[in-house]
N, C-alpha and C. Protein backbone atom coordinates (compact mmCIF):
# COMPACT_ATOMS: atom_id res chain seq x y z
N MET A 1 0.90 -1.14 -0.09
CA MET A 1 0.08 -0.07 0.05
C MET A 1 0.95 1.26 0.36
N LYS A 2 2.17 1.34 0.85
CA LYS A 2 3.07 2.74 0.95
C LYS A 2 3.45 2.51 -0.57
N LYS A 3 4.05 1.45 -1.17
CA LYS A 3 4.45 1.68 -2.10
C LYS A 3 3.82 2.49 -3.50
N ILE A 4 2.46 1.58 -3.50
CA ILE A 4 1.39 2.56 -4.36
C ILE A 4 1.33 3.95 -3.97
N ALA A 5 1.05 4.42 -2.97
CA ALA A 5 0.86 5.86 -2.58
C ALA A 5 2.03 6.64 -2.73
N PHE A 6 3.29 6.33 -2.66
CA PHE A 6 4.68 6.48 -3.03
C PHE A 6 4.78 6.82 -4.53
N SER A 7 4.65 5.67 -5.21
CA SER A 7 4.69 5.84 -6.78
C SER A 7 3.31 6.73 -7.18
N ILE A 8 2.10 6.67 -6.48
CA ILE A 8 1.55 8.13 -6.66
C ILE A 8 2.00 9.32 -6.89
N LEU A 9 2.37 9.69 -5.47
CA LEU A 9 3.02 10.87 -5.24
C LEU A 9 4.14 11.27 -6.05
N ILE A 10 5.16 9.72 -6.42
CA ILE A 10 6.05 10.49 -7.51
C ILE A 10 5.62 10.78 -8.75
N PHE A 11 4.31 10.07 -9.09
CA PHE A 11 3.91 10.27 -10.69
C PHE A 11 3.33 12.11 -10.48
N LEU A 12 2.94 12.18 -9.43
CA LEU A 12 2.19 13.61 -9.47
C LEU A 12 3.07 14.78 -9.25
N LEU A 13 4.02 14.53 -8.43
CA LEU A 13 5.29 15.47 -9.01
C LEU A 13 5.78 15.31 -10.03
N VAL A 14 5.75 14.40 -10.77
CA VAL A 14 6.59 14.70 -12.12
C VAL A 14 5.34 15.25 -13.01
N MET A 15 4.41 15.42 -12.56
CA MET A 15 3.58 15.80 -13.51
C MET A 15 3.57 17.12 -13.46
N VAL A 16 3.57 17.94 -11.94
CA VAL A 16 3.50 19.06 -11.55
C VAL A 16 4.70 19.85 -12.49
N ILE A 17 5.89 19.01 -12.25
CA ILE A 17 7.23 19.72 -12.87
C ILE A 17 7.00 19.65 -13.94
N THR A 18 6.75 18.66 -15.13
CA THR A 18 6.65 19.06 -16.36
C THR A 18 5.79 19.90 -16.71
N VAL A 19 4.02 19.97 -16.28
CA VAL A 19 3.34 20.94 -16.46
C VAL A 19 4.00 22.35 -16.17
N THR A 20 4.71 22.86 -14.81
CA THR A 20 4.84 23.78 -14.57
C THR A 20 6.14 24.43 -16.23
N THR A 21 7.07 23.51 -15.94
CA THR A 21 8.37 23.34 -16.95
C THR A 21 7.93 23.96 -18.56
N SER A 22 6.58 23.31 -18.68
CA SER A 22 6.11 23.80 -20.13
C SER A 22 5.59 24.84 -20.38
N LEU A 23 4.66 25.31 -19.47
CA LEU A 23 4.27 26.70 -19.17
C LEU A 23 5.33 27.86 -19.25
N TYR A 24 6.34 27.76 -18.55
CA TYR A 24 7.43 28.39 -18.59
C TYR A 24 7.89 28.69 -19.98
N LEU A 25 8.32 27.47 -20.28
CA LEU A 25 9.07 27.67 -21.70
C LEU A 25 8.23 28.23 -22.61
N GLN A 26 6.61 28.09 -22.20
CA GLN A 26 5.53 28.85 -23.41
C GLN A 26 5.36 30.50 -23.57
N ARG A 27 6.08 30.88 -22.38
CA ARG A 27 5.40 32.14 -21.47
C ARG A 27 5.81 33.42 -22.60
N ASN A 28 6.64 33.05 -23.42
CA ASN A 28 6.71 34.33 -24.78
C ASN A 28 5.94 33.81 -26.12
N SER A 29 5.35 32.65 -25.87
CA SER A 29 4.23 31.96 -27.21
C SER A 29 3.68 31.96 -27.09
N ARG A 30 2.75 31.84 -25.68
CA ARG A 30 1.58 31.21 -25.24
C ARG A 30 1.05 32.05 -24.08
N SER A 31 0.72 33.13 -24.61
CA SER A 31 0.33 34.28 -23.17
C SER A 31 -1.30 33.61 -22.68
N ALA A 32 -2.06 33.16 -23.44
CA ALA A 32 -3.23 32.96 -23.55
C ALA A 32 -3.47 31.35 -23.74
N LEU A 33 -3.35 30.63 -22.64
CA LEU A 33 -3.56 29.35 -22.73
C LEU A 33 -4.33 28.43 -24.02
N LEU A 34 -5.21 29.19 -23.14
CA LEU A 34 -7.12 29.07 -23.59
C LEU A 34 -8.01 29.58 -23.38
N CYS A 35 -9.08 30.01 -24.56
CA CYS A 35 -9.74 31.06 -24.93
C CYS A 35 -11.24 30.16 -25.42
N SER A 36 -11.85 30.39 -23.99
CA SER A 36 -13.61 29.78 -24.70
C SER A 36 -14.54 30.31 -24.65
N SER A 37 -15.57 29.89 -25.13
CA SER A 37 -16.71 31.11 -24.99
C SER A 37 -17.79 30.28 -23.95
N LEU A 38 -18.95 30.65 -23.61
CA LEU A 38 -19.85 30.07 -22.70
C LEU A 38 -20.99 30.30 -23.30
N ASP A 39 -20.96 31.40 -24.35
CA ASP A 39 -22.27 30.96 -25.23
C ASP A 39 -21.95 30.99 -26.79
N ASP A 40 -22.87 30.78 -27.40
CA ASP A 40 -23.05 30.56 -29.04
C ASP A 40 -23.66 31.72 -29.75
N SER A 41 -23.20 32.96 -29.72
CA SER A 41 -23.09 34.03 -30.20
C SER A 41 -22.52 34.31 -31.05
N ILE A 42 -23.27 35.39 -31.71
CA ILE A 42 -22.35 35.94 -33.20
C ILE A 42 -20.87 36.62 -32.80
N ARG A 43 -20.82 36.95 -31.90
CA ARG A 43 -19.68 37.17 -31.09
C ARG A 43 -19.26 37.24 -29.81
N PRO A 44 -19.28 35.97 -29.56
CA PRO A 44 -18.86 35.55 -28.35
C PRO A 44 -17.85 35.86 -27.15
N ARG A 45 -18.34 36.34 -25.90
CA ARG A 45 -17.44 36.54 -24.78
C ARG A 45 -16.76 35.89 -24.50
N ASN A 46 -15.26 35.53 -24.92
CA ASN A 46 -14.44 34.74 -24.35
C ASN A 46 -14.11 34.88 -22.89
N TYR A 47 -13.72 33.83 -22.60
CA TYR A 47 -13.13 33.53 -20.94
C TYR A 47 -11.42 33.29 -21.13
N CYS A 48 -10.71 33.41 -20.73
CA CYS A 48 -9.32 32.91 -21.05
C CYS A 48 -8.60 32.45 -20.02
N LEU A 49 -7.85 31.82 -20.03
CA LEU A 49 -6.79 31.00 -19.10
C LEU A 49 -5.44 31.16 -19.36
N MET A 50 -4.84 32.08 -18.52
CA MET A 50 -3.57 32.91 -18.76
C MET A 50 -2.56 32.09 -18.35
N ASN A 51 -1.50 32.34 -19.03
CA ASN A 51 0.02 31.51 -18.53
C ASN A 51 0.19 32.40 -17.58
N PRO A 52 0.61 31.87 -16.22
CA PRO A 52 0.80 32.48 -14.98
C PRO A 52 2.47 33.51 -15.60
N PHE A 53 3.34 32.47 -16.28
CA PHE A 53 4.65 33.34 -16.60
C PHE A 53 4.51 34.14 -17.57
N ARG A 54 3.59 34.46 -17.88
CA ARG A 54 3.36 35.39 -18.98
C ARG A 54 3.96 36.57 -18.72
N ASN A 55 4.76 37.51 -19.77
CA ASN A 55 5.11 39.02 -19.38
C ASN A 55 3.59 39.94 -19.19
N LYS A 56 3.76 40.37 -18.21
CA LYS A 56 2.35 41.03 -17.81
C LYS A 56 2.52 42.65 -17.81
N GLN A 57 3.40 43.06 -18.54
CA GLN A 57 3.76 44.29 -18.32
C GLN A 57 2.81 45.15 -19.38
N PRO A 58 2.19 44.52 -20.43
CA PRO A 58 1.38 45.08 -21.50
C PRO A 58 0.00 45.17 -20.64
N GLU A 59 -0.24 44.02 -19.90
CA GLU A 59 -1.76 43.62 -19.23
C GLU A 59 -1.61 45.02 -18.18
N LYS A 60 -0.81 45.33 -17.77
CA LYS A 60 -0.53 46.01 -16.18
C LYS A 60 -1.05 47.56 -16.71
N MET A 61 -0.08 47.87 -18.12
CA MET A 61 -0.60 49.33 -18.66
C MET A 61 -1.81 49.51 -19.25
N ALA A 62 -2.48 48.22 -19.71
CA ALA A 62 -3.51 48.32 -20.39
C ALA A 62 -4.65 48.51 -19.17
N GLU A 63 -4.46 47.74 -17.90
CA GLU A 63 -5.18 48.12 -16.89
C GLU A 63 -4.98 49.42 -16.21
N ARG A 64 -3.70 49.94 -16.19
CA ARG A 64 -3.75 51.35 -15.55
C ARG A 64 -4.86 52.36 -16.53
N ILE A 65 -4.78 52.15 -17.49
CA ILE A 65 -5.61 53.26 -18.65
C ILE A 65 -6.83 52.82 -18.05
N LEU A 66 -7.39 51.58 -18.13
CA LEU A 66 -8.61 51.15 -18.01
C LEU A 66 -9.29 51.67 -16.73
N GLN A 67 -7.93 51.59 -15.55
CA GLN A 67 -8.83 52.10 -14.09
C GLN A 67 -9.07 53.49 -14.70
N GLU A 68 -8.37 54.81 -15.48
CA GLU A 68 -8.49 55.55 -15.38
C GLU A 68 -9.72 56.20 -16.17
N LEU A 69 -9.91 55.24 -17.16
CA LEU A 69 -10.91 55.41 -17.79
C LEU A 69 -12.69 55.44 -16.69
N LYS A 70 -12.30 54.11 -16.17
CA LYS A 70 -13.23 54.04 -15.10
C LYS A 70 -13.73 54.83 -13.84
N ILE A 71 -12.36 55.86 -13.73
CA ILE A 71 -12.83 57.13 -12.72
C ILE A 71 -13.05 58.10 -13.60
N GLY A 72 -13.57 58.10 -15.02
CA GLY A 72 -13.71 59.38 -15.66
C GLY A 72 -12.80 60.09 -16.63
N ASN A 73 -11.73 59.73 -16.24
CA ASN A 73 -10.14 60.33 -17.12
C ASN A 73 -10.35 60.04 -18.45
N ALA A 74 -11.16 60.48 -19.50
CA ALA A 74 -11.11 60.06 -20.88
C ALA A 74 -10.08 60.54 -21.64
N GLU A 75 -9.36 61.59 -21.18
CA GLU A 75 -8.20 62.00 -21.96
C GLU A 75 -6.72 61.14 -21.79
N VAL A 76 -6.73 60.28 -20.84
CA VAL A 76 -5.74 59.36 -21.06
C VAL A 76 -5.71 58.65 -21.92
N ILE A 77 -6.96 58.45 -23.08
CA ILE A 77 -6.54 57.50 -24.40
C ILE A 77 -6.11 58.48 -25.28
N ILE A 78 -6.08 59.84 -25.25
CA ILE A 78 -5.39 60.26 -26.52
C ILE A 78 -4.38 60.49 -26.79
N PRO A 79 -3.00 60.00 -26.24
CA PRO A 79 -2.07 59.40 -26.93
C PRO A 79 -1.94 58.56 -27.43
N TYR A 80 -3.22 57.52 -27.46
CA TYR A 80 -3.21 56.32 -27.79
C TYR A 80 -4.10 56.03 -29.46
N LEU A 81 -4.87 57.24 -29.65
CA LEU A 81 -5.71 57.09 -30.39
C LEU A 81 -4.91 57.26 -32.06
N ASN A 82 -3.87 56.90 -32.24
CA ASN A 82 -2.98 57.37 -33.43
C ASN A 82 -3.61 56.97 -34.79
N ASN A 83 -4.49 56.04 -34.60
CA ASN A 83 -4.66 55.58 -36.11
C ASN A 83 -6.33 55.93 -36.12
N ALA A 84 -7.12 57.00 -35.49
CA ALA A 84 -7.83 57.71 -35.41
C ALA A 84 -7.70 59.23 -36.12
N ASN A 85 -8.89 59.73 -36.90
CA ASN A 85 -8.73 60.81 -37.24
C ASN A 85 -9.49 61.44 -36.40
N GLU A 86 -9.85 63.18 -36.97
CA GLU A 86 -10.31 63.96 -35.53
C GLU A 86 -11.87 63.52 -34.79
N ASP A 87 -12.75 63.37 -36.03
CA ASP A 87 -13.92 62.78 -35.63
C ASP A 87 -13.90 61.59 -34.66
N GLU A 88 -13.02 60.86 -35.43
CA GLU A 88 -12.96 59.29 -34.33
C GLU A 88 -12.52 59.41 -33.08
N LYS A 89 -11.63 60.60 -32.99
CA LYS A 89 -11.02 60.85 -31.53
C LYS A 89 -11.93 61.48 -30.81
N ASN A 90 -12.69 62.56 -31.14
CA ASN A 90 -13.84 63.22 -30.82
C ASN A 90 -15.13 61.87 -30.35
N ARG A 91 -15.13 61.68 -31.18
CA ARG A 91 -16.39 60.18 -30.75
C ARG A 91 -16.06 59.36 -29.61
N PHE A 92 -14.66 58.61 -29.78
CA PHE A 92 -14.00 57.93 -28.62
C PHE A 92 -14.32 58.60 -27.17
N LEU A 93 -13.65 60.02 -27.18
CA LEU A 93 -13.66 60.96 -25.95
C LEU A 93 -15.11 61.14 -25.26
N GLU A 94 -16.10 61.36 -26.37
CA GLU A 94 -17.23 61.65 -25.70
C GLU A 94 -17.65 60.45 -25.27
N ASN A 95 -17.67 59.20 -26.13
CA ASN A 95 -18.32 57.74 -25.71
C ASN A 95 -17.32 57.62 -24.31
N GLU A 96 -16.30 57.78 -24.06
CA GLU A 96 -15.89 57.23 -22.87
C GLU A 96 -16.37 58.03 -21.82
N LYS A 97 -16.56 59.25 -22.02
CA LYS A 97 -17.19 60.16 -20.77
C LYS A 97 -18.70 59.68 -20.39
N LYS A 98 -19.17 59.41 -21.98
CA LYS A 98 -20.93 59.04 -21.26
C LYS A 98 -20.65 57.42 -20.59
N TYR A 99 -20.07 56.80 -21.34
CA TYR A 99 -20.44 55.53 -21.29
C TYR A 99 -19.16 54.84 -20.02
N GLN A 100 -18.89 55.55 -18.96
CA GLN A 100 -17.78 54.89 -18.17
C GLN A 100 -17.50 53.65 -18.00
N ILE A 101 -16.48 53.03 -18.05
CA ILE A 101 -16.37 51.63 -17.65
C ILE A 101 -16.43 51.20 -16.09
N LYS A 102 -17.50 50.14 -16.06
CA LYS A 102 -17.35 49.82 -14.63
C LYS A 102 -16.56 48.86 -14.12
N ASN A 103 -16.41 47.53 -15.11
CA ASN A 103 -15.29 46.62 -14.74
C ASN A 103 -14.99 45.99 -16.31
N TRP A 104 -13.92 44.82 -15.97
CA TRP A 104 -13.27 44.59 -17.32
C TRP A 104 -12.61 43.16 -17.10
N ARG A 105 -12.76 42.39 -17.71
CA ARG A 105 -11.66 41.01 -17.66
C ARG A 105 -11.12 40.44 -19.19
N VAL A 106 -10.23 39.86 -19.58
CA VAL A 106 -9.21 39.98 -20.61
C VAL A 106 -10.37 38.87 -21.72
N GLY A 107 -10.21 39.10 -22.73
CA GLY A 107 -11.16 38.60 -23.80
C GLY A 107 -10.11 37.69 -24.69
N SER A 108 -8.86 38.24 -24.79
CA SER A 108 -7.94 37.71 -25.43
C SER A 108 -6.71 38.20 -25.70
N ARG A 109 -5.64 37.64 -26.19
CA ARG A 109 -4.25 38.19 -26.18
C ARG A 109 -3.36 37.44 -26.99
N GLU A 110 -3.02 37.91 -28.04
CA GLU A 110 -2.24 37.24 -29.25
C GLU A 110 -1.11 38.04 -29.27
N ASP A 111 0.18 37.21 -28.80
CA ASP A 111 1.64 37.69 -29.07
C ASP A 111 2.31 37.30 -30.38
N SER A 112 3.13 38.39 -30.66
CA SER A 112 4.25 37.76 -31.83
C SER A 112 5.28 38.42 -31.09
N GLU A 113 6.46 38.21 -31.83
CA GLU A 113 7.93 38.58 -31.58
C GLU A 113 8.09 40.00 -31.11
N ASP A 114 7.08 41.04 -31.90
CA ASP A 114 7.82 42.19 -31.97
C ASP A 114 6.17 43.02 -31.59
N GLU A 115 4.82 42.19 -31.54
CA GLU A 115 3.55 43.03 -31.27
C GLU A 115 2.79 41.84 -30.53
N ILE A 116 1.92 42.70 -29.61
CA ILE A 116 0.86 42.21 -28.59
C ILE A 116 -0.87 42.74 -28.68
N SER A 117 -1.41 41.90 -28.85
CA SER A 117 -2.81 42.37 -29.44
C SER A 117 -3.81 42.04 -28.30
N LEU A 118 -3.89 42.99 -27.18
CA LEU A 118 -4.85 42.53 -25.81
C LEU A 118 -6.43 43.32 -26.04
N MET A 119 -7.30 42.22 -25.96
CA MET A 119 -8.54 42.97 -26.21
C MET A 119 -9.16 42.34 -24.28
N TYR A 120 -9.90 43.28 -24.28
CA TYR A 120 -10.65 43.19 -22.82
C TYR A 120 -12.31 43.24 -23.20
N TRP A 121 -12.76 42.62 -22.51
CA TRP A 121 -14.60 42.71 -22.56
C TRP A 121 -14.79 43.79 -21.40
N VAL A 122 -15.23 44.92 -21.46
CA VAL A 122 -15.78 45.85 -20.48
C VAL A 122 -17.23 45.81 -20.12
N SER A 123 -17.61 46.05 -19.12
CA SER A 123 -19.26 46.90 -18.91
C SER A 123 -18.91 47.99 -18.64
N ARG A 124 -20.04 48.81 -18.97
CA ARG A 124 -19.87 50.30 -18.96
C ARG A 124 -21.44 51.01 -17.95
N GLN A 125 -20.94 51.91 -17.50
CA GLN A 125 -22.31 52.55 -16.83
C GLN A 125 -23.30 53.29 -18.02
N ASN A 126 -24.43 53.38 -17.55
CA ASN A 126 -25.36 53.95 -18.54
C ASN A 126 -25.59 53.72 -19.88
N TYR A 127 -25.19 52.09 -19.95
CA TYR A 127 -25.06 51.18 -21.37
C TYR A 127 -26.39 50.59 -21.16
N HIS A 128 -26.94 50.07 -22.39
CA HIS A 128 -27.90 49.12 -22.61
C HIS A 128 -27.53 47.64 -22.00
N LYS A 129 -28.79 47.15 -21.43
CA LYS A 129 -28.39 45.61 -21.14
C LYS A 129 -28.70 44.53 -22.29
N ASP A 130 -28.05 43.31 -22.01
CA ASP A 130 -28.27 42.47 -23.09
C ASP A 130 -29.82 41.80 -22.74
N HIS A 131 -30.34 40.84 -23.47
CA HIS A 131 -31.71 40.46 -23.37
C HIS A 131 -31.56 39.76 -22.05
N ASN A 132 -31.29 39.32 -21.28
CA ASN A 132 -31.38 38.53 -20.13
C ASN A 132 -30.84 39.51 -18.98
N GLY A 133 -31.27 41.05 -19.33
CA GLY A 133 -30.94 42.07 -18.08
C GLY A 133 -29.55 41.87 -17.36
N SER A 134 -28.65 41.25 -18.08
CA SER A 134 -27.32 41.67 -17.47
C SER A 134 -26.31 42.80 -18.02
N ASP A 135 -25.24 43.18 -17.77
CA ASP A 135 -24.74 44.58 -18.67
C ASP A 135 -24.10 43.51 -19.77
N HIS A 136 -24.54 44.76 -20.80
CA HIS A 136 -23.92 44.33 -22.39
C HIS A 136 -22.04 44.64 -22.32
N LEU A 137 -21.68 43.68 -22.64
CA LEU A 137 -20.14 43.72 -22.85
C LEU A 137 -19.65 44.10 -24.17
N GLU A 138 -18.66 44.92 -24.03
CA GLU A 138 -18.22 45.82 -25.71
C GLU A 138 -16.69 45.40 -25.62
N ALA A 139 -15.95 45.21 -26.40
CA ALA A 139 -14.93 45.07 -26.76
C ALA A 139 -13.75 46.34 -26.64
N VAL A 140 -12.58 46.41 -25.65
CA VAL A 140 -11.60 47.46 -25.79
C VAL A 140 -10.39 46.79 -26.07
N ASN A 141 -9.64 47.55 -27.34
CA ASN A 141 -8.33 46.70 -27.76
C ASN A 141 -7.15 47.69 -27.45
N PHE A 142 -6.40 47.09 -26.82
CA PHE A 142 -4.87 47.81 -27.03
C PHE A 142 -3.93 46.83 -28.02
N TYR A 143 -3.16 47.31 -28.78
CA TYR A 143 -2.05 46.83 -29.62
C TYR A 143 -0.84 47.68 -29.26
N PHE A 144 0.36 46.79 -28.86
CA PHE A 144 1.28 47.23 -28.18
C PHE A 144 2.49 46.76 -29.59
N VAL A 145 3.71 47.77 -29.37
CA VAL A 145 4.86 47.10 -30.26
C VAL A 145 6.01 47.08 -29.19
N ARG A 146 6.69 46.21 -29.26
CA ARG A 146 8.10 46.04 -28.68
C ARG A 146 9.15 46.67 -29.17
N GLU A 147 9.69 47.96 -28.27
CA GLU A 147 10.67 48.82 -28.44
C GLU A 147 12.11 48.42 -27.65
N GLU A 148 12.94 47.76 -28.16
CA GLU A 148 14.04 47.54 -27.34
C GLU A 148 13.43 46.44 -26.24
N ASN A 149 13.46 46.55 -25.23
CA ASN A 149 13.12 45.53 -24.35
C ASN A 149 11.61 45.98 -23.69
N ASN A 150 11.13 47.04 -24.22
CA ASN A 150 10.09 47.42 -23.46
C ASN A 150 9.05 47.18 -24.48
N TRP A 151 7.32 47.27 -23.94
CA TRP A 151 6.13 47.08 -24.63
C TRP A 151 5.72 48.50 -24.86
N ASN A 152 5.33 49.20 -25.76
CA ASN A 152 4.73 50.63 -25.70
C ASN A 152 3.62 50.39 -26.51
N LEU A 153 2.57 50.77 -25.79
CA LEU A 153 1.14 51.06 -26.46
C LEU A 153 1.05 51.74 -27.40
N GLN A 154 0.33 51.42 -28.53
CA GLN A 154 0.51 52.08 -29.85
C GLN A 154 -0.81 52.52 -30.28
N ASP A 155 -1.65 51.96 -29.75
CA ASP A 155 -3.11 52.15 -30.23
C ASP A 155 -4.24 51.46 -29.38
N PHE A 156 -5.09 52.52 -29.04
CA PHE A 156 -6.49 52.05 -28.30
C PHE A 156 -7.37 52.04 -29.31
N ARG A 157 -8.49 50.98 -29.36
CA ARG A 157 -9.86 50.89 -29.90
C ARG A 157 -11.02 50.67 -28.73
N ALA A 158 -12.37 50.93 -29.25
CA ALA A 158 -13.11 50.46 -28.21
C ALA A 158 -14.65 50.51 -29.32
N GLY A 159 -15.28 49.64 -28.76
CA GLY A 159 -16.84 49.45 -29.34
C GLY A 159 -17.69 50.17 -28.42
N TYR A 160 -18.66 50.93 -29.07
CA TYR A 160 -19.92 51.50 -27.95
C TYR A 160 -20.90 50.84 -28.60
């Protein structure tokens, strides 16, 4: 009996070490280990299982901006509206003031060697509800580019 318990313990230890090593080795190539939806809508709202060893710098930067938007500082996005014309910039600012973010969660993350695309599902104040009465979620996208060893935010996009 002790021999079986010891064998099971050794097997579990080897499995934990193998999984941990695998996740660590994939930290730069697989930040999102699995993304899956709980609904079958046209635009499913994904939930992601993230690699605990991923570079979290871009997420921390994005979440600082989301926190600023949550407290009403819409101007925080101005430096990151690089691909928007003046009308689009004004629309982003108006909508961010009108529909302040309440909360968010990661919806997807795609990494390449020099770029990261990070998408969050956000719920907003004063925004319409889904057919079941819950907050309607919209996408907010952040696009990062690597410059030397740092990830710099290049563009911000949001759906309203």
